[in-house]
Amino acid sequence: MAINLVKGQTIDLRKNDKGESFDLSTVTIGLGWDIRKKSGGFFGKLLGSKEEEFDLDAIAFLLDSNGKVADLGKTVQTNDGRNLSLYQGDVIFFNSMRHPSGNIWLTGDNRTGAGDGDDEQIIVKLDSLDAKYDKILFIVSIYQGRQNNQHFGGVENAFIRAVDNKGKEIAKFNLSGEAAYNNMCSMVFAEVYRKDGSWKFRALGDPKPSDSFVEILRSYVY
């Protein structure tokens, strides 16, 4: 049975306190959320409340033993002439969804969070990850949140969970509804890091006002 974590709690991913062991050859980090329905006053009640569309993006930073992103990738030009930075580096995001090593990838961009279960998944082959990577940081940002006046105060039932290669849920961290999340457009959700030959999972829940993960990235570059 999965462990429900509280903010700041850390567990061992390979073996829990109950003696259960988990297959970390492939671990799925699933993220999910719902958007809080807005009440539109008298007419809103007549017509039914409308659910806003938020575009939440999952991002992963691969950090070295100094807690930094060593490879920021390259800048490439798209067919329509746009420049894409951070391509094929140690940042996994919507414009660079698969790491060059093939050991960590983002499954796809769910733009609304509609439906039950995971809205986005980042899959990691933890046992195959190069030893130079010491930690993976998982972040969720609301795309154009500042521009659209959208923030985590409008998000509910948000969670991050870790599932092993055999589909067994190892841990889950639920994060919703705190007043401190109003006007916060990004969330440093959790981290996975090496410790004593195993991997640990720590629930963070650290909100940030910026809607750009690049602003958060600035703290993790050389």
Protein backbone atom coordinates (compact mmCIF):
# COMPACT_ATOMS: atom_id res chain seq x y z
CA MET A 1 0.00 0.00 0.00
CA ALA A 2 1.34 3.42 -0.98
CA ILE A 3 2.52 5.86 1.65
CA ASN A 4 0.72 9.22 1.72
CA LEU A 5 3.40 11.82 2.34
CA VAL A 6 3.22 15.16 4.09
CA LYS A 7 5.26 18.19 3.08
CA GLY A 8 8.93 17.68 3.93
CA GLN A 9 8.62 13.90 4.42
CA THR A 10 11.21 11.61 2.85
CA ILE A 11 10.95 7.90 2.09
CA ASP A 12 13.15 5.25 0.52
CA LEU A 13 11.82 4.30 -2.92
CA ARG A 14 13.35 0.83 -3.06
CA LYS A 15 12.02 -0.52 0.24
CA ASN A 16 9.49 0.96 2.62
CA ASP A 17 9.12 0.64 6.40
CA LYS A 18 6.68 -2.27 5.96
CA GLY A 19 9.34 -4.34 4.21
CA GLU A 20 7.80 -4.01 0.75
CA SER A 21 10.34 -3.87 -2.08
CA PHE A 22 9.87 -2.00 -5.35
CA ASP A 23 11.28 -2.41 -8.85
CA LEU A 24 13.00 0.86 -9.73
CA SER A 25 14.17 -0.20 -13.20
CA THR A 26 11.43 2.13 -14.47
CA VAL A 27 9.61 4.56 -12.17
CA THR A 28 6.66 6.66 -13.28
CA ILE A 29 6.29 10.04 -11.64
CA GLY A 30 2.64 10.88 -12.16
CA LEU A 31 1.24 14.37 -11.67
CA GLY A 32 -2.42 15.30 -11.55
CA TRP A 33 -4.69 18.22 -10.78
CA ASP A 34 -8.20 19.60 -11.17
CA ILE A 35 -9.21 23.19 -11.75
CA ARG A 36 -11.46 24.75 -9.16
CA LYS A 37 -14.84 25.70 -10.65
CA LYS A 38 -15.72 29.36 -10.46
CA SER A 39 -19.16 30.44 -9.39
CA GLY A 40 -20.52 33.15 -11.66
CA GLY A 41 -23.07 34.64 -9.28
CA PHE A 42 -26.81 34.44 -9.99
CA PHE A 43 -26.47 33.87 -13.75
CA GLY A 44 -23.62 31.47 -13.17
CA LYS A 45 -25.88 29.35 -10.98
CA LEU A 46 -28.56 29.38 -13.67
CA LEU A 47 -26.17 28.45 -16.45
CA GLY A 48 -23.85 26.26 -14.42
CA SER A 49 -20.34 27.12 -13.28
CA LYS A 50 -17.66 27.08 -15.95
CA GLU A 51 -14.33 25.41 -15.47
CA GLU A 52 -11.38 27.51 -16.60
CA GLU A 53 -8.70 25.92 -18.71
CA PHE A 54 -5.27 25.98 -17.12
CA ASP A 55 -2.23 24.73 -19.03
CA LEU A 56 -0.01 23.10 -16.41
CA ASP A 57 3.37 21.77 -17.47
CA ALA A 58 5.54 19.17 -15.75
CA ILE A 59 9.29 19.76 -15.80
CA ALA A 60 12.27 17.79 -14.46
CA PHE A 61 15.78 19.07 -13.70
CA LEU A 62 18.58 16.49 -13.60
CA LEU A 63 21.10 17.73 -11.04
CA ASP A 64 24.70 16.72 -10.48
CA SER A 65 26.45 16.18 -7.14
CA ASN A 66 26.67 19.98 -6.70
CA GLY A 67 22.91 20.35 -7.07
CA LYS A 68 23.29 22.02 -10.48
CA VAL A 69 22.11 21.41 -14.05
CA ALA A 70 25.40 20.80 -15.86
CA ASP A 71 24.10 20.49 -19.44
CA LEU A 72 21.72 23.22 -20.63
CA GLY A 73 21.45 21.64 -24.08
CA LYS A 74 21.51 23.62 -27.28
CA THR A 75 19.42 26.16 -29.16
CA VAL A 76 17.75 24.88 -32.33
CA GLN A 77 15.57 26.55 -34.92
CA THR A 78 12.11 25.24 -35.72
CA ASN A 79 10.63 25.00 -39.21
CA ASP A 80 8.76 28.25 -38.64
CA GLY A 81 11.92 30.10 -37.65
CA ARG A 82 11.54 30.11 -33.85
CA ASN A 83 14.53 29.45 -31.62
CA LEU A 84 14.12 26.69 -29.00
CA SER A 85 16.62 26.71 -26.16
CA LEU A 86 17.46 24.01 -23.58
CA TYR A 87 16.99 21.35 -26.26
CA GLN A 88 18.34 17.85 -25.44
CA GLY A 89 19.98 18.94 -22.21
CA ASP A 90 19.40 18.01 -18.57
CA VAL A 91 16.03 19.79 -18.42
CA ILE A 92 13.01 17.71 -19.46
CA PHE A 93 10.06 19.86 -20.57
CA PHE A 94 7.46 20.30 -23.34
CA ASN A 95 10.01 21.35 -26.00
CA SER A 96 12.58 18.69 -25.05
CA MET A 97 10.59 15.72 -23.84
CA ARG A 98 13.22 12.96 -23.98
CA HIS A 99 16.70 13.04 -22.44
CA PRO A 100 19.52 12.11 -24.87
CA SER A 101 20.36 9.10 -22.65
CA GLY A 102 16.86 7.70 -23.17
CA ASN A 103 16.55 7.18 -19.40
CA ILE A 104 14.02 9.92 -18.60
CA TRP A 105 11.15 11.28 -20.66
CA LEU A 106 7.89 13.22 -20.49
CA THR A 107 4.92 11.34 -21.93
CA GLY A 108 2.96 14.30 -23.23
CA ASP A 109 1.35 17.64 -22.55
CA ASN A 110 -2.18 17.47 -21.14
CA ARG A 111 -3.28 21.10 -21.48
CA THR A 112 -6.31 21.08 -19.20
CA GLY A 113 -5.93 18.41 -16.52
CA ALA A 114 -9.25 16.91 -17.62
CA GLY A 115 -10.09 13.40 -16.47
CA ASP A 116 -9.05 11.23 -13.57
CA GLY A 117 -5.61 9.79 -12.91
CA ASP A 118 -2.28 11.24 -13.97
CA ASP A 119 -2.45 14.33 -16.14
CA GLU A 120 1.23 14.20 -16.99
CA GLN A 121 3.87 11.55 -16.43
CA ILE A 122 7.63 11.69 -16.30
CA ILE A 123 9.15 8.23 -16.63
CA VAL A 124 12.63 7.54 -15.24
CA LYS A 125 14.82 4.46 -15.53
CA LEU A 126 16.35 5.10 -12.13
CA ASP A 127 18.60 2.03 -12.08
CA SER A 128 20.03 3.00 -15.49
CA LEU A 129 20.55 6.69 -14.77
CA ASP A 130 24.15 7.82 -15.16
CA ALA A 131 25.98 8.09 -11.84
CA LYS A 132 26.75 11.75 -12.54
CA TYR A 133 23.09 12.55 -11.83
CA ASP A 134 22.53 12.82 -8.10
CA LYS A 135 19.03 14.26 -7.93
CA ILE A 136 15.94 14.91 -10.04
CA LEU A 137 13.73 17.90 -9.21
CA PHE A 138 10.08 17.84 -10.33
CA ILE A 139 8.31 21.14 -11.02
CA VAL A 140 4.85 22.11 -12.27
CA SER A 141 4.25 25.54 -13.83
CA ILE A 142 1.08 27.20 -15.09
CA TYR A 143 1.81 28.32 -18.65
CA GLN A 144 1.13 32.07 -19.01
CA GLY A 145 -0.28 32.06 -15.48
CA ARG A 146 0.68 35.68 -14.84
CA GLN A 147 -0.85 36.86 -18.10
CA ASN A 148 -4.08 34.92 -17.51
CA ASN A 149 -4.30 35.63 -13.76
CA GLN A 150 -4.13 31.90 -13.02
CA HIS A 151 -2.36 30.49 -9.98
CA PHE A 152 -2.24 27.46 -7.70
CA GLY A 153 -5.00 28.95 -5.56
CA GLY A 154 -7.29 27.90 -8.44
CA VAL A 155 -5.97 24.34 -8.55
CA GLU A 156 -7.35 21.55 -6.39
CA ASN A 157 -6.73 17.83 -5.91
CA ALA A 158 -3.14 18.27 -7.07
CA PHE A 159 -0.79 15.37 -6.44
CA ILE A 160 2.50 13.78 -7.36
CA ARG A 161 3.04 10.03 -7.02
CA ALA A 162 5.73 7.45 -7.71
CA VAL A 163 4.81 4.10 -9.30
CA ASP A 164 7.31 1.27 -9.77
CA ASN A 165 7.96 -0.83 -12.87
CA LYS A 166 5.29 -3.39 -11.87
CA GLY A 167 2.60 -0.74 -11.43
CA LYS A 168 2.79 -0.65 -7.63
CA GLU A 169 2.26 2.83 -6.20
CA ILE A 170 5.13 3.59 -3.83
CA ALA A 171 4.19 7.02 -2.50
CA LYS A 172 1.80 9.89 -3.08
CA PHE A 173 1.90 13.53 -2.02
CA ASN A 174 -1.37 15.48 -2.17
CA LEU A 175 -1.11 19.22 -2.40
CA SER A 176 -4.12 21.52 -2.61
CA GLY A 177 -6.02 24.37 -1.12
CA GLU A 178 -3.49 26.29 0.97
CA ALA A 179 -3.93 30.07 1.06
CA ALA A 180 -0.17 30.34 0.63
CA TYR A 181 -0.60 29.10 -2.96
CA ASN A 182 -2.64 32.12 -4.06
CA ASN A 183 -0.74 34.11 -6.72
CA MET A 184 1.84 31.32 -6.98
CA CYS A 185 2.23 30.12 -10.57
CA SER A 186 4.84 27.37 -10.16
CA MET A 187 5.39 24.59 -7.66
CA VAL A 188 8.59 22.73 -6.85
CA PHE A 189 6.69 19.54 -6.13
CA ALA A 190 9.19 16.88 -5.09
CA GLU A 191 12.69 15.51 -5.55
CA VAL A 192 14.24 12.08 -6.01
CA TYR A 193 17.86 11.71 -4.94
CA ARG A 194 20.57 9.11 -4.35
CA LYS A 195 21.34 8.08 -0.80
CA ASP A 196 23.33 5.08 0.54
CA GLY A 197 22.97 3.07 -2.66
CA SER A 198 19.26 3.65 -2.97
CA TRP A 199 16.89 6.40 -4.08
CA LYS A 200 14.90 8.67 -1.77
CA PHE A 201 11.70 10.58 -2.56
CA ARG A 202 11.06 13.86 -0.74
CA ALA A 203 7.79 15.80 -0.83
CA LEU A 204 8.58 19.53 -1.13
CA GLY A 205 5.51 21.61 -2.09
CA ASP A 206 7.53 24.81 -2.48
CA PRO A 207 5.46 27.48 -4.32
CA LYS A 208 7.01 30.13 -6.58
CA PRO A 209 5.39 33.31 -7.97
CA SER A 210 6.88 33.01 -11.47
CA ASP A 211 5.04 31.12 -14.21
CA SER A 212 8.34 30.38 -15.95
CA PHE A 213 10.39 27.34 -14.93
CA VAL A 214 13.39 29.14 -16.45
CA GLU A 215 13.28 31.58 -13.52
CA ILE A 216 13.52 28.62 -11.13
CA LEU A 217 16.28 27.11 -13.26
CA ARG A 218 18.48 30.18 -12.64
CA SER A 219 19.09 28.90 -9.09
CA TYR A 220 20.38 25.58 -10.45
CA VAL A 221 22.93 26.63 -13.09
CA TYR A 222 26.66 27.22 -12.83
